[in-house]
């Protein structure tokens, strides 16, 4: 159990601008992760091993991409009890993201809205940070590296950015996540359409197979999709994943829908909505994916996991693994163990 009750830290952090609170937290974790002060947030990792996509996960609870965009805090976050951690999204070149303010809390709904826009320090800095991380992976933790395209890259040239990202992260990743579903990079979600997705995944699968010879291993590759897809669109995604031999799917990213938060302060801000309001949309996509993909195809469920019951709902919908992000902001590291214990008892 962590020595610092999260309720105390949350009261302080929620008194700050959301992005300022995020930056302060990430900087603090990065500075303290290799010191005895790590015990302030450390939690015992629940032992519930499961093999998915050929990887042995210590438990089924992971951290979703977006919290640690530059991979600065892998060991610090790993100390919270996660079985796996996904960092990024990283783009080939550094970019500042969208203008501030670009992150908003909706506490009445247990939600966040962000329009960060893949702000990150670029691929070279990201890889250097990943290489410095030691304890999480030494303890058996699984690390996913999430790649995207630069905002300045025309959508017709998006494949080039993803190939650069794959080349850069594959040697250092347990699995690679391909983010084509953020609503905060112009036209990015167009890559989920039939022809664009087919071209992108075909190119990435070919490059991944070519890299396998050099690396001596075939790095599993997952695709992260949106919760706003209809059933026909989900079926297209499923068929394309199968056709190109992808290893799994992450469902889902944030939503552009505001139906569940109408009337709340900040509800009309543009960007992706995460947290409790996206839970059922995510579960709907997971159920459709499982029906389309059949048993055995790896699905990581993410979106609206705020307690143990939400984590169980993801598994019952058809997910093999579960990620959290917004729940960590609202509940702290205790949520990791709570959810992992609930899934272990299943």
Protein backbone atom coordinates (compact mmCIF):
# COMPACT_ATOMS: atom_id res chain seq x y z
CA UNK A 1 0.00 0.00 0.00
CA UNK A 2 1.27 3.49 -0.85
CA UNK A 3 2.33 5.68 2.07
CA UNK A 4 0.66 8.83 0.71
CA UNK A 5 -3.16 8.68 0.65
CA UNK A 6 -4.20 9.79 -2.82
CA UNK A 7 -7.13 11.76 -1.42
CA UNK A 8 -4.70 14.30 0.03
CA UNK A 9 -2.72 14.63 -3.21
CA UNK A 10 -5.89 14.85 -5.26
CA UNK A 11 -7.26 17.79 -3.28
CA UNK A 12 -4.06 19.68 -4.03
CA UNK A 13 -3.82 18.63 -7.68
CA UNK A 14 -7.48 19.34 -8.44
CA UNK A 15 -6.90 22.88 -7.20
CA UNK A 16 -4.52 23.40 -10.13
CA UNK A 17 -5.15 23.77 -13.84
CA UNK A 18 -5.49 20.18 -15.17
CA UNK A 19 -2.48 20.33 -17.47
CA UNK A 20 -0.36 22.04 -14.81
CA UNK A 21 -1.31 19.28 -12.37
CA UNK A 22 -0.41 16.66 -14.97
CA UNK A 23 2.96 18.22 -15.73
CA UNK A 24 3.78 18.60 -12.03
CA UNK A 25 2.91 14.95 -11.39
CA UNK A 26 4.93 13.62 -14.33
CA UNK A 27 7.96 15.73 -13.39
CA UNK A 28 7.76 14.58 -9.78
CA UNK A 29 7.45 10.93 -10.71
CA UNK A 30 10.36 11.20 -13.13
CA UNK A 31 12.62 12.76 -10.50
CA UNK A 32 11.71 10.40 -7.67
CA UNK A 33 11.19 7.06 -9.44
CA UNK A 34 14.66 5.73 -8.65
CA UNK A 35 14.74 6.94 -5.05
CA UNK A 36 13.37 5.56 -1.74
CA UNK A 37 10.56 8.13 -1.99
CA UNK A 38 8.93 5.87 -4.57
CA UNK A 39 7.30 4.12 -1.61
CA UNK A 40 4.95 7.14 -1.39
CA UNK A 41 2.90 5.78 -4.31
CA UNK A 42 4.01 2.14 -4.63
CA UNK A 43 1.47 -0.69 -4.52
CA UNK A 44 1.97 -4.44 -4.41
CA UNK A 45 1.45 -5.91 -7.85
CA UNK A 46 -1.30 -8.53 -7.99
CA UNK A 47 -0.01 -11.80 -9.42
CA UNK A 48 -2.49 -13.00 -12.05
CA UNK A 49 -0.40 -13.97 -15.09
CA UNK A 50 -2.01 -14.36 -18.49
CA UNK A 51 -0.51 -14.90 -21.95
CA UNK A 52 -1.91 -12.66 -24.68
CA UNK A 53 -0.41 -12.18 -28.17
CA UNK A 54 2.47 -14.42 -27.11
CA UNK A 55 3.39 -12.12 -24.20
CA UNK A 56 3.16 -13.08 -20.53
CA UNK A 57 1.39 -10.28 -18.66
CA UNK A 58 1.86 -10.33 -14.84
CA UNK A 59 -1.78 -9.25 -14.48
CA UNK A 60 -4.55 -7.93 -16.71
CA UNK A 61 -4.48 -4.25 -15.68
CA UNK A 62 -2.46 -1.77 -17.72
CA UNK A 63 -1.97 1.95 -18.10
CA UNK A 64 -3.34 3.46 -21.30
CA UNK A 65 -1.21 5.67 -23.53
CA UNK A 66 -1.43 9.42 -23.12
CA UNK A 67 -0.48 9.84 -19.48
CA UNK A 68 3.26 9.48 -20.06
CA UNK A 69 3.65 10.70 -23.62
CA UNK A 70 7.46 10.81 -23.54
CA UNK A 71 8.13 7.60 -21.59
CA UNK A 72 9.72 9.50 -18.71
CA UNK A 73 8.06 7.65 -15.81
CA UNK A 74 7.89 3.98 -16.80
CA UNK A 75 9.48 2.67 -13.60
CA UNK A 76 7.52 5.09 -11.39
CA UNK A 77 4.22 4.08 -12.96
CA UNK A 78 5.20 0.42 -12.87
CA UNK A 79 5.54 0.68 -9.10
CA UNK A 80 1.77 1.28 -8.90
CA UNK A 81 1.13 -2.40 -9.60
CA UNK A 82 0.41 -2.38 -13.33
CA UNK A 83 0.93 -5.58 -15.28
CA UNK A 84 1.64 -3.54 -18.39
CA UNK A 85 2.22 0.07 -19.32
CA UNK A 86 1.71 1.81 -22.64
CA UNK A 87 3.54 5.09 -23.26
CA UNK A 88 3.25 7.65 -26.05
CA UNK A 89 1.76 8.61 -28.41
CA UNK A 90 5.10 9.51 -29.98
CA UNK A 91 5.50 11.15 -33.40
CA UNK A 92 8.65 11.14 -35.55
CA UNK A 93 9.38 14.83 -34.91
CA UNK A 94 8.81 16.84 -31.73
CA UNK A 95 5.65 18.92 -31.74
CA UNK A 96 3.97 21.24 -29.21
CA UNK A 97 0.41 19.99 -29.74
CA UNK A 98 -2.65 22.18 -29.79
CA UNK A 99 -2.95 25.63 -28.15
CA UNK A 100 -3.68 25.81 -24.42
CA UNK A 101 -5.97 25.43 -22.54
CA UNK A 102 -6.50 21.94 -23.85
CA UNK A 103 -7.42 19.76 -20.85
CA UNK A 104 -10.59 20.05 -18.75
CA UNK A 105 -12.07 18.19 -15.79
CA UNK A 106 -15.75 17.26 -15.52
CA UNK A 107 -15.76 15.90 -11.96
CA UNK A 108 -19.55 15.50 -11.79
CA UNK A 109 -19.24 12.92 -14.57
CA UNK A 110 -15.90 11.41 -13.55
CA UNK A 111 -14.55 12.59 -16.89
CA UNK A 112 -11.87 14.56 -18.71
CA UNK A 113 -11.85 16.33 -22.06
CA UNK A 114 -8.52 16.82 -23.78
CA UNK A 115 -7.38 18.17 -27.11
CA UNK A 116 -3.65 17.80 -26.48
CA UNK A 117 -2.79 16.91 -30.07
CA UNK A 118 0.09 14.45 -29.63
CA UNK A 119 2.34 16.96 -27.83
CA UNK A 120 5.66 15.14 -27.37
CA UNK A 121 9.43 15.49 -27.56
CA UNK A 122 9.82 13.34 -30.66
CA UNK A 123 11.05 9.84 -31.40
CA UNK A 124 14.72 10.23 -30.45
CA UNK A 125 13.97 11.58 -26.96
CA UNK A 126 11.23 9.00 -26.46
CA UNK A 127 13.50 6.06 -27.27
CA UNK A 128 16.23 7.43 -25.00
CA UNK A 129 13.73 7.59 -22.12
CA UNK A 130 12.50 4.07 -22.79
CA UNK A 131 16.06 2.76 -22.74
CA UNK A 132 16.64 4.31 -19.31
CA UNK A 133 13.72 2.44 -17.75
CA UNK A 134 14.90 -0.66 -15.90
CA UNK A 135 12.97 -1.91 -12.88
CA UNK A 136 9.51 -2.35 -14.40
CA UNK A 137 10.64 -4.61 -17.20
CA UNK A 138 13.20 -6.37 -15.02
CA UNK A 139 10.28 -7.35 -12.80
CA UNK A 140 8.39 -8.87 -15.71
CA UNK A 141 6.24 -5.86 -16.68
CA UNK A 142 5.14 -5.56 -20.31
CA UNK A 143 5.83 -2.29 -22.14
CA UNK A 144 3.79 -1.05 -25.10
CA UNK A 145 4.99 1.84 -27.26
CA UNK A 146 2.31 3.89 -29.01
CA UNK A 147 3.03 5.61 -32.35
CA UNK A 148 1.24 8.32 -34.35
CA UNK A 149 1.73 10.87 -37.10
CA UNK A 150 2.90 14.46 -36.90
CA UNK A 151 0.19 17.09 -37.29
CA UNK A 152 2.13 18.75 -40.12
CA UNK A 153 2.31 15.53 -42.15
CA UNK A 154 -0.44 15.45 -44.82
CA UNK A 155 -2.88 12.61 -44.24
CA UNK A 156 -1.95 11.13 -47.63
CA UNK A 157 1.63 10.73 -46.29
CA UNK A 158 0.62 9.34 -42.90
CA UNK A 159 2.00 5.89 -43.67
CA UNK A 160 5.50 7.36 -43.83
CA UNK A 161 5.27 8.66 -40.27
CA UNK A 162 3.95 5.37 -38.93
CA UNK A 163 6.75 3.45 -40.62
CA UNK A 164 9.34 5.80 -39.11
CA UNK A 165 7.71 5.30 -35.73
CA UNK A 166 7.65 1.52 -36.08
CA UNK A 167 11.31 1.41 -37.11
CA UNK A 168 12.25 3.52 -34.10
CA UNK A 169 10.27 1.81 -31.36
CA UNK A 170 10.18 -1.85 -32.43
CA UNK A 171 13.62 -2.75 -31.00
CA UNK A 172 12.53 -1.48 -27.57
CA UNK A 173 8.87 -2.55 -27.40
CA UNK A 174 7.16 -5.64 -26.06
CA UNK A 175 4.31 -4.57 -28.32
CA UNK A 176 3.63 -1.59 -30.61
CA UNK A 177 0.30 0.28 -30.56
CA UNK A 178 -0.79 2.14 -33.70
CA UNK A 179 -2.93 5.14 -32.79
CA UNK A 180 -5.32 6.01 -35.62
CA UNK A 181 -8.18 7.17 -33.41
CA UNK A 182 -7.25 10.35 -31.56
CA UNK A 183 -9.81 13.06 -32.37
CA UNK A 184 -7.20 15.78 -31.78
CA UNK A 185 -5.06 15.43 -34.92
CA UNK A 186 -6.81 16.66 -38.05
CA UNK A 187 -8.12 13.89 -40.31
CA UNK A 188 -6.42 11.14 -38.24
CA UNK A 189 -9.62 9.16 -37.77
CA UNK A 190 -9.98 8.96 -41.54
CA UNK A 191 -7.31 6.27 -41.32
CA UNK A 192 -9.97 3.95 -39.85
CA UNK A 193 -11.86 3.92 -43.17
CA UNK A 194 -11.70 0.87 -45.42
CA UNK A 195 -9.10 1.76 -48.06
CA UNK A 196 -6.91 3.94 -45.81
CA UNK A 197 -6.79 1.32 -43.06
CA UNK A 198 -6.00 -1.41 -45.55
CA UNK A 199 -3.07 0.57 -46.99
CA UNK A 200 -1.71 1.56 -43.58
CA UNK A 201 -1.90 -1.87 -41.98
CA UNK A 202 -0.56 -3.56 -45.08
CA UNK A 203 2.53 -1.33 -45.03
CA UNK A 204 3.04 -1.71 -41.28
CA UNK A 205 2.64 -5.48 -41.35
CA UNK A 206 5.18 -5.80 -44.16
CA UNK A 207 7.67 -3.59 -42.31
CA UNK A 208 7.09 -5.47 -39.04
CA UNK A 209 7.81 -8.77 -40.77
CA UNK A 210 10.97 -7.32 -42.34
CA UNK A 211 12.13 -6.06 -38.94
CA UNK A 212 11.64 -9.52 -37.44
CA UNK A 213 14.69 -10.76 -39.30
CA UNK A 214 16.86 -8.00 -37.90
CA UNK A 215 15.46 -8.10 -34.37
CA UNK A 216 15.25 -11.87 -34.11
CA UNK A 217 11.63 -11.60 -32.94
CA UNK A 218 8.26 -10.61 -34.33
CA UNK A 219 6.99 -7.64 -32.32
CA UNK A 220 3.23 -7.87 -31.69
CA UNK A 221 1.30 -4.94 -33.14
CA UNK A 222 -2.06 -3.61 -31.88
CA UNK A 223 -4.33 -0.97 -33.45
CA UNK A 224 -6.20 1.54 -31.28
CA UNK A 225 -9.66 2.47 -32.54
CA UNK A 226 -12.40 4.96 -31.63
CA UNK A 227 -15.62 4.32 -29.67
CA UNK A 228 -17.62 6.30 -32.22
CA UNK A 229 -17.53 3.64 -34.95
CA UNK A 230 -20.80 2.00 -35.98
CA UNK A 231 -21.19 -1.76 -36.32
CA UNK A 232 -20.34 -1.80 -40.02
CA UNK A 233 -17.19 0.22 -39.43
CA UNK A 234 -16.12 -2.08 -36.59
CA UNK A 235 -16.63 -5.06 -38.88
CA UNK A 236 -14.38 -3.45 -41.51
CA UNK A 237 -11.69 -2.88 -38.88
CA UNK A 238 -11.96 -6.49 -37.71
CA UNK A 239 -11.68 -7.90 -41.21
CA UNK A 240 -8.69 -5.69 -42.02
CA UNK A 241 -6.89 -6.70 -38.81
CA UNK A 242 -7.36 -10.34 -39.73
CA UNK A 243 -6.33 -9.84 -43.35
CA UNK A 244 -2.99 -8.27 -42.45
CA UNK A 245 -2.14 -10.51 -39.53
CA UNK A 246 -2.28 -7.86 -36.81
CA UNK A 247 -1.90 -9.22 -33.30
CA UNK A 248 -4.63 -7.33 -31.48
CA UNK A 249 -6.85 -4.29 -31.10
CA UNK A 250 -7.21 -1.64 -28.39
CA UNK A 251 -10.81 -0.53 -27.88
CA UNK A 252 -11.22 2.31 -27.40
CA UNK A 253 -9.85 5.82 -27.53
CA UNK A 254 -11.78 8.90 -26.33
CA UNK A 255 -15.16 9.90 -27.75
CA UNK A 256 -16.33 13.04 -29.53
CA UNK A 257 -19.88 12.46 -28.27
CA UNK A 258 -21.18 14.80 -25.57
CA UNK A 259 -24.55 13.11 -25.01
CA UNK A 260 -23.64 11.91 -21.51
CA UNK A 261 -22.30 15.24 -20.26
CA UNK A 262 -24.73 17.78 -21.70
CA UNK A 263 -25.15 20.81 -19.50
CA UNK A 264 -21.99 20.29 -17.49
CA UNK A 265 -19.26 22.92 -17.31
CA UNK A 266 -16.67 22.38 -20.08
CA UNK A 267 -18.94 19.86 -21.85
CA UNK A 268 -18.83 21.86 -25.09
CA UNK A 269 -15.04 22.02 -25.25
CA UNK A 270 -13.69 20.29 -28.35
CA UNK A 271 -11.52 17.24 -27.92
CA UNK A 272 -11.82 13.68 -26.71
CA UNK A 273 -14.02 12.82 -23.74
CA UNK A 274 -12.72 10.09 -21.44
CA UNK A 275 -13.78 8.54 -18.14
CA UNK A 276 -17.12 7.17 -16.98
CA UNK A 277 -19.23 8.55 -19.92
CA UNK A 278 -17.29 6.50 -22.48
CA UNK A 279 -17.61 3.16 -20.67
CA UNK A 280 -20.66 1.77 -22.46
CA UNK A 281 -19.59 2.99 -25.91
CA UNK A 282 -16.26 1.24 -25.39
CA UNK A 283 -17.97 -1.95 -24.22
CA UNK A 284 -20.28 -1.85 -27.25
CA UNK A 285 -17.28 -1.76 -29.59
CA UNK A 286 -15.55 -4.55 -27.64
CA UNK A 287 -18.62 -6.78 -27.89
CA UNK A 288 -18.86 -6.18 -31.64
CA UNK A 289 -15.15 -6.83 -32.13
CA UNK A 290 -15.34 -10.10 -30.22
CA UNK A 291 -18.31 -11.22 -32.29
CA UNK A 292 -16.50 -10.32 -35.52
CA UNK A 293 -13.06 -11.61 -34.55
CA UNK A 294 -14.08 -14.75 -32.70
CA UNK A 295 -12.43 -16.27 -29.67
CA UNK A 296 -8.70 -15.94 -29.22
CA UNK A 297 -8.03 -12.66 -31.00
CA UNK A 298 -6.46 -10.29 -28.43
CA UNK A 299 -8.53 -7.28 -27.36
CA UNK A 300 -7.41 -4.66 -24.85
CA UNK A 301 -10.41 -2.89 -23.35
CA UNK A 302 -10.09 0.73 -22.27
CA UNK A 303 -12.56 3.51 -21.56
CA UNK A 304 -14.40 4.44 -18.38
CA UNK A 305 -12.78 2.03 -15.93
CA UNK A 306 -13.36 3.81 -12.62
CA UNK A 307 -13.70 0.81 -10.30
CA UNK A 308 -13.43 -2.98 -10.16
CA UNK A 309 -16.89 -3.52 -11.61
CA UNK A 310 -15.98 -1.47 -14.68
CA UNK A 311 -12.90 -3.65 -15.18
CA UNK A 312 -15.01 -6.81 -14.94
CA UNK A 313 -17.45 -5.35 -17.47
CA UNK A 314 -14.64 -4.99 -20.00
CA UNK A 315 -13.70 -8.65 -19.62
CA UNK A 316 -17.33 -9.73 -19.82
CA UNK A 317 -17.71 -7.70 -23.03
CA UNK A 318 -14.89 -9.71 -24.56
CA UNK A 319 -11.60 -8.01 -23.63
CA UNK A 320 -8.55 -10.03 -22.57
CA UNK A 321 -6.77 -7.14 -20.88
CA UNK A 322 -7.92 -3.81 -19.43
CA UNK A 323 -6.31 -0.36 -19.41
CA UNK A 324 -7.03 2.66 -17.23
CA UNK A 325 -6.18 6.36 -17.47
CA UNK A 326 -8.89 8.76 -16.30
CA UNK A 327 -9.73 6.41 -13.43
CA UNK A 328 -6.16 6.79 -12.21
CA UNK A 329 -6.58 10.58 -12.16
CA UNK A 330 -9.75 10.34 -10.07
CA UNK A 331 -8.93 7.31 -7.89
CA UNK A 332 -5.14 7.08 -7.67
CA UNK A 333 -2.96 3.96 -7.69
CA UNK A 334 -5.30 2.02 -5.37
CA UNK A 335 -7.54 1.49 -8.41
CA UNK A 336 -4.83 -0.63 -10.06
CA UNK A 337 -4.78 -3.25 -7.31
CA UNK A 338 -8.54 -3.09 -6.81
CA UNK A 339 -9.20 -3.86 -10.47
CA UNK A 340 -6.44 -6.48 -10.74
CA UNK A 341 -7.74 -8.33 -7.67
CA UNK A 342 -11.26 -8.33 -9.07
CA UNK A 343 -10.10 -9.88 -12.34
CA UNK A 344 -7.88 -12.41 -10.56
CA UNK A 345 -10.89 -13.61 -8.55
CA UNK A 346 -12.77 -14.34 -11.77
